[in-house]
């Protein structure tokens, strides 16, 4: 699983959870109005959309260096410069930090 696939799956899970909270979430919290602000479905959905947009800006591109060798990097982070940063870029590595305790998380994704 790539970092992008991992992030896409986690964002989808977060979105599904937010939608469940918004439609039929835990009744005690909704009744008592004690749901923490960070669990507000509208906010979580906005966070999911933000993360999807950031991911779209930081996608992989490759350039031919020679016949057999390919270098690649983030289209945003390496635009107009050398392909020194590599892949995944630091931006995507930062986006994955909330999921370090997930069993599919890979240590090489740490920023």
N, C-alpha and C. Protein backbone atom coordinates (compact mmCIF):
# COMPACT_ATOMS: atom_id res chain seq x y z
N UNK A 1 0.85 -1.17 0.00
CA UNK A 1 0.00 0.00 0.00
C UNK A 1 0.90 1.24 0.00
N UNK A 2 0.61 2.17 -0.88
CA UNK A 2 1.38 3.41 -0.94
C UNK A 2 0.85 4.40 0.09
N UNK A 3 1.63 5.44 0.35
CA UNK A 3 1.19 6.47 1.27
C UNK A 3 -0.09 7.13 0.77
N UNK A 4 -0.18 7.38 -0.51
CA UNK A 4 -1.38 8.00 -1.08
C UNK A 4 -2.60 7.09 -0.91
N UNK A 5 -2.44 5.81 -1.17
CA UNK A 5 -3.55 4.87 -0.98
C UNK A 5 -3.95 4.81 0.49
N UNK A 6 -2.96 4.80 1.38
CA UNK A 6 -3.22 4.78 2.81
C UNK A 6 -4.01 6.01 3.23
N UNK A 7 -3.55 7.20 2.82
CA UNK A 7 -4.25 8.44 3.19
C UNK A 7 -5.66 8.49 2.62
N UNK A 8 -5.82 8.06 1.39
CA UNK A 8 -7.15 8.05 0.77
C UNK A 8 -8.10 7.16 1.57
N UNK A 9 -7.63 6.02 2.00
CA UNK A 9 -8.47 5.10 2.80
C UNK A 9 -8.81 5.70 4.16
N UNK A 10 -7.84 6.32 4.82
CA UNK A 10 -8.09 6.92 6.15
C UNK A 10 -9.07 8.10 6.03
N UNK A 11 -8.92 8.90 5.00
CA UNK A 11 -9.84 10.03 4.80
C UNK A 11 -11.25 9.51 4.57
N UNK A 12 -11.38 8.44 3.80
CA UNK A 12 -12.70 7.85 3.56
C UNK A 12 -13.31 7.33 4.87
N UNK A 13 -12.48 6.71 5.71
CA UNK A 13 -12.97 6.23 7.01
C UNK A 13 -13.43 7.39 7.88
N UNK A 14 -12.63 8.47 7.91
CA UNK A 14 -13.00 9.65 8.69
C UNK A 14 -14.31 10.24 8.19
N UNK A 15 -14.46 10.30 6.88
CA UNK A 15 -15.69 10.83 6.28
C UNK A 15 -16.89 9.98 6.66
N UNK A 16 -16.76 8.67 6.57
CA UNK A 16 -17.85 7.77 6.93
C UNK A 16 -18.23 7.92 8.40
N UNK A 17 -17.23 8.06 9.26
CA UNK A 17 -17.50 8.26 10.69
C UNK A 17 -18.24 9.56 10.93
N UNK A 18 -17.81 10.62 10.26
CA UNK A 18 -18.47 11.92 10.42
C UNK A 18 -19.91 11.86 9.94
N UNK A 19 -20.14 11.19 8.82
CA UNK A 19 -21.50 11.06 8.31
C UNK A 19 -22.37 10.26 9.27
N UNK A 20 -21.80 9.22 9.88
CA UNK A 20 -22.55 8.42 10.85
C UNK A 20 -22.89 9.26 12.08
N UNK A 21 -21.94 10.06 12.54
CA UNK A 21 -22.20 10.94 13.69
C UNK A 21 -23.30 11.94 13.35
N UNK A 22 -23.25 12.46 12.14
CA UNK A 22 -24.21 13.48 11.75
C UNK A 22 -25.62 12.95 11.58
N UNK A 23 -25.75 11.69 11.18
CA UNK A 23 -27.08 11.15 10.93
C UNK A 23 -27.66 10.40 12.12
N UNK A 24 -26.82 9.59 12.76
CA UNK A 24 -27.37 8.78 13.85
C UNK A 24 -26.38 8.56 14.98
N UNK A 25 -25.43 9.44 15.10
CA UNK A 25 -24.34 9.27 16.06
C UNK A 25 -24.81 8.95 17.46
N UNK A 26 -23.88 8.75 18.36
CA UNK A 26 -24.21 8.37 19.73
C UNK A 26 -25.22 9.32 20.34
N UNK A 27 -26.38 8.79 20.67
CA UNK A 27 -27.50 9.62 21.11
C UNK A 27 -27.20 10.39 22.39
N UNK A 28 -26.45 9.81 23.31
CA UNK A 28 -26.15 10.51 24.56
C UNK A 28 -25.43 11.82 24.29
N UNK A 29 -24.43 11.77 23.44
CA UNK A 29 -23.67 12.98 23.14
C UNK A 29 -24.53 14.01 22.44
N UNK A 30 -25.32 13.56 21.49
CA UNK A 30 -26.17 14.50 20.76
C UNK A 30 -27.23 15.09 21.67
N UNK A 31 -27.81 14.27 22.53
CA UNK A 31 -28.87 14.72 23.44
C UNK A 31 -28.32 15.71 24.46
N UNK A 32 -27.15 15.41 24.98
CA UNK A 32 -26.57 16.26 26.01
C UNK A 32 -25.76 17.42 25.44
N UNK A 33 -25.53 17.41 24.15
CA UNK A 33 -24.73 18.46 23.54
C UNK A 33 -23.30 18.46 24.01
N UNK A 34 -22.76 17.27 24.32
CA UNK A 34 -21.41 17.18 24.86
C UNK A 34 -20.37 16.72 23.83
N UNK A 35 -20.77 16.65 22.60
CA UNK A 35 -19.82 16.20 21.58
C UNK A 35 -18.70 17.23 21.47
N UNK A 36 -17.45 16.79 21.58
CA UNK A 36 -16.34 17.75 21.44
C UNK A 36 -16.34 18.39 20.06
N UNK A 37 -15.90 19.64 19.95
CA UNK A 37 -15.91 20.33 18.65
C UNK A 37 -15.16 19.59 17.56
N UNK A 38 -14.06 18.89 17.92
CA UNK A 38 -13.30 18.18 16.90
C UNK A 38 -14.05 16.98 16.34
N UNK A 39 -15.15 16.58 16.97
CA UNK A 39 -15.97 15.49 16.45
C UNK A 39 -17.20 16.00 15.71
N UNK A 40 -17.32 17.30 15.57
CA UNK A 40 -18.44 17.86 14.83
C UNK A 40 -18.38 17.35 13.38
N UNK A 41 -19.43 16.71 12.90
CA UNK A 41 -19.38 16.12 11.55
C UNK A 41 -19.05 17.13 10.47
N UNK A 42 -19.56 18.34 10.58
CA UNK A 42 -19.28 19.35 9.56
C UNK A 42 -17.78 19.66 9.52
N UNK A 43 -17.19 19.76 10.69
CA UNK A 43 -15.76 20.05 10.76
C UNK A 43 -14.94 18.88 10.23
N UNK A 44 -15.30 17.67 10.59
CA UNK A 44 -14.56 16.50 10.12
C UNK A 44 -14.66 16.38 8.60
N UNK A 45 -15.85 16.62 8.04
CA UNK A 45 -16.02 16.56 6.59
C UNK A 45 -15.18 17.63 5.91
N UNK A 46 -15.11 18.81 6.49
CA UNK A 46 -14.27 19.88 5.93
C UNK A 46 -12.79 19.49 5.98
N UNK A 47 -12.37 18.85 7.08
CA UNK A 47 -10.99 18.37 7.20
C UNK A 47 -10.69 17.32 6.12
N UNK A 48 -11.65 16.43 5.88
CA UNK A 48 -11.47 15.41 4.84
C UNK A 48 -11.30 16.06 3.47
N UNK A 49 -12.14 17.03 3.17
CA UNK A 49 -12.05 17.72 1.89
C UNK A 49 -10.73 18.47 1.76
N UNK A 50 -10.31 19.14 2.84
CA UNK A 50 -9.02 19.84 2.84
C UNK A 50 -7.89 18.86 2.54
N UNK A 51 -7.89 17.73 3.21
CA UNK A 51 -6.82 16.75 3.00
C UNK A 51 -6.82 16.19 1.59
N UNK A 52 -8.00 15.95 1.02
CA UNK A 52 -8.07 15.47 -0.37
C UNK A 52 -7.49 16.51 -1.32
N UNK A 53 -7.80 17.78 -1.08
CA UNK A 53 -7.28 18.84 -1.96
C UNK A 53 -5.77 18.99 -1.84
N UNK A 54 -5.26 18.89 -0.62
CA UNK A 54 -3.81 18.96 -0.43
C UNK A 54 -3.14 17.79 -1.13
N UNK A 55 -3.72 16.61 -1.01
CA UNK A 55 -3.16 15.43 -1.68
C UNK A 55 -3.12 15.63 -3.19
N UNK A 56 -4.16 16.24 -3.75
CA UNK A 56 -4.22 16.47 -5.19
C UNK A 56 -3.10 17.43 -5.64
N UNK A 57 -2.75 18.38 -4.79
CA UNK A 57 -1.68 19.32 -5.12
C UNK A 57 -0.30 18.69 -5.02
N UNK A 58 -0.16 17.65 -4.23
CA UNK A 58 1.14 17.04 -3.96
C UNK A 58 1.20 15.63 -4.53
N UNK A 59 0.97 15.54 -5.81
CA UNK A 59 1.00 14.22 -6.45
C UNK A 59 2.36 13.97 -7.10
N UNK A 60 2.64 12.73 -7.32
CA UNK A 60 3.92 12.28 -7.88
C UNK A 60 4.01 12.60 -9.36
N UNK A 61 5.18 13.03 -9.77
CA UNK A 61 5.49 13.13 -11.20
C UNK A 61 6.86 12.53 -11.42
N UNK A 62 7.09 12.09 -12.61
CA UNK A 62 8.37 11.44 -12.93
C UNK A 62 8.96 12.09 -14.18
N UNK A 63 10.27 12.16 -14.20
CA UNK A 63 10.98 12.69 -15.38
C UNK A 63 12.05 11.69 -15.80
N UNK A 64 12.23 11.51 -17.09
CA UNK A 64 13.28 10.58 -17.54
C UNK A 64 14.65 11.22 -17.38
N UNK A 65 15.54 10.58 -16.64
CA UNK A 65 16.92 11.03 -16.48
C UNK A 65 17.81 10.38 -17.54
N UNK A 66 17.52 9.15 -17.84
CA UNK A 66 18.24 8.45 -18.89
C UNK A 66 17.29 7.40 -19.43
N UNK A 67 17.77 6.53 -20.23
CA UNK A 67 16.90 5.53 -20.83
C UNK A 67 16.20 4.65 -19.80
N UNK A 68 16.90 4.26 -18.75
CA UNK A 68 16.35 3.30 -17.79
C UNK A 68 16.06 3.89 -16.42
N UNK A 69 16.61 5.05 -16.12
CA UNK A 69 16.46 5.63 -14.78
C UNK A 69 15.38 6.70 -14.76
N UNK A 70 14.53 6.65 -13.76
CA UNK A 70 13.48 7.65 -13.60
C UNK A 70 13.59 8.26 -12.22
N UNK A 71 13.53 9.57 -12.16
CA UNK A 71 13.46 10.27 -10.88
C UNK A 71 12.07 10.84 -10.76
N UNK A 72 11.58 10.96 -9.56
CA UNK A 72 10.24 11.52 -9.38
C UNK A 72 10.17 12.34 -8.12
N UNK A 73 9.15 13.14 -8.06
CA UNK A 73 8.94 13.96 -6.88
C UNK A 73 7.56 14.56 -6.88
N UNK A 74 7.31 15.39 -5.91
CA UNK A 74 6.03 16.06 -5.77
C UNK A 74 5.94 17.19 -6.79
N UNK A 75 4.84 17.27 -7.51
CA UNK A 75 4.67 18.32 -8.52
C UNK A 75 4.73 19.71 -7.90
N UNK A 76 4.24 19.87 -6.68
CA UNK A 76 4.22 21.17 -6.03
C UNK A 76 5.56 21.50 -5.40
N UNK A 77 6.10 20.58 -4.65
CA UNK A 77 7.34 20.84 -3.90
C UNK A 77 8.56 20.96 -4.79
N UNK A 78 8.56 20.32 -5.96
CA UNK A 78 9.73 20.34 -6.83
C UNK A 78 9.53 21.18 -8.08
N UNK A 79 8.41 21.88 -8.18
CA UNK A 79 8.12 22.67 -9.38
C UNK A 79 9.22 23.71 -9.61
N UNK A 80 9.78 23.67 -10.78
CA UNK A 80 10.79 24.66 -11.14
C UNK A 80 12.15 24.41 -10.53
N UNK A 81 12.31 23.31 -9.84
CA UNK A 81 13.59 23.04 -9.19
C UNK A 81 14.00 21.61 -9.40
N UNK A 82 15.06 21.22 -8.74
CA UNK A 82 15.52 19.83 -8.88
C UNK A 82 14.57 18.87 -8.18
N UNK A 83 14.66 17.65 -8.54
CA UNK A 83 13.83 16.61 -7.95
C UNK A 83 14.56 16.05 -6.73
N UNK A 84 14.97 16.94 -5.84
CA UNK A 84 15.79 16.53 -4.71
C UNK A 84 14.98 16.00 -3.54
N UNK A 85 13.75 16.47 -3.41
CA UNK A 85 12.99 16.11 -2.22
C UNK A 85 12.53 14.67 -2.24
N UNK A 86 12.33 14.11 -3.41
CA UNK A 86 11.91 12.73 -3.48
C UNK A 86 10.42 12.56 -3.21
N UNK A 87 10.04 11.34 -2.97
CA UNK A 87 8.64 11.01 -2.81
C UNK A 87 8.48 10.00 -1.70
N UNK A 88 7.50 10.05 -0.85
CA UNK A 88 6.50 11.12 -0.77
C UNK A 88 7.10 12.39 -0.17
N UNK A 89 6.50 13.52 -0.55
CA UNK A 89 7.01 14.80 -0.08
C UNK A 89 6.67 15.01 1.40
N UNK A 90 7.29 16.02 1.99
CA UNK A 90 7.08 16.30 3.42
C UNK A 90 5.64 16.67 3.73
N UNK A 91 4.95 17.27 2.78
CA UNK A 91 3.55 17.63 3.01
C UNK A 91 2.69 16.39 3.22
N UNK A 92 2.83 15.40 2.37
CA UNK A 92 2.06 14.16 2.54
C UNK A 92 2.49 13.41 3.79
N UNK A 93 3.76 13.47 4.10
CA UNK A 93 4.24 12.84 5.33
C UNK A 93 3.62 13.50 6.56
N UNK A 94 3.40 14.80 6.50
CA UNK A 94 2.74 15.50 7.61
C UNK A 94 1.27 15.13 7.70
N UNK A 95 0.61 14.97 6.56
CA UNK A 95 -0.81 14.61 6.56
C UNK A 95 -1.05 13.23 7.18
N UNK A 96 -0.08 12.35 7.11
CA UNK A 96 -0.27 10.99 7.59
C UNK A 96 -0.02 10.86 9.10
N UNK A 97 0.54 11.89 9.73
CA UNK A 97 0.87 11.82 11.16
C UNK A 97 -0.28 11.42 12.08
N UNK A 98 -1.52 11.86 11.85
CA UNK A 98 -2.58 11.45 12.77
C UNK A 98 -2.86 9.94 12.77
N UNK A 99 -2.30 9.23 11.81
CA UNK A 99 -2.61 7.82 11.66
C UNK A 99 -1.45 6.90 12.03
N UNK A 100 -0.47 7.40 12.80
CA UNK A 100 0.71 6.59 13.11
C UNK A 100 0.37 5.32 13.89
N UNK A 101 -0.77 5.30 14.57
CA UNK A 101 -1.13 4.10 15.34
C UNK A 101 -1.93 3.10 14.52
N UNK A 102 -2.20 3.40 13.26
CA UNK A 102 -2.93 2.47 12.38
C UNK A 102 -2.00 1.31 12.01
N UNK A 103 -2.52 0.08 11.96
CA UNK A 103 -1.66 -1.07 11.67
C UNK A 103 -0.99 -1.02 10.28
N UNK A 104 -1.57 -0.31 9.32
CA UNK A 104 -0.98 -0.24 7.98
C UNK A 104 0.02 0.90 7.82
N UNK A 105 0.20 1.71 8.85
CA UNK A 105 1.13 2.83 8.78
C UNK A 105 2.57 2.29 8.67
N UNK A 106 3.37 2.97 7.87
CA UNK A 106 4.77 2.57 7.70
C UNK A 106 5.69 3.64 8.30
N UNK A 107 6.68 3.21 9.03
CA UNK A 107 7.61 4.14 9.67
C UNK A 107 8.38 5.00 8.66
N UNK A 108 8.58 4.52 7.45
CA UNK A 108 9.32 5.32 6.47
C UNK A 108 8.52 6.54 6.00
N UNK A 109 7.24 6.62 6.38
CA UNK A 109 6.44 7.80 6.02
C UNK A 109 6.62 8.94 7.02
N UNK A 110 7.29 8.70 8.15
CA UNK A 110 7.50 9.77 9.13
C UNK A 110 8.24 10.94 8.49
N UNK A 111 7.82 12.17 8.83
CA UNK A 111 8.55 13.34 8.28
C UNK A 111 9.94 13.46 8.89
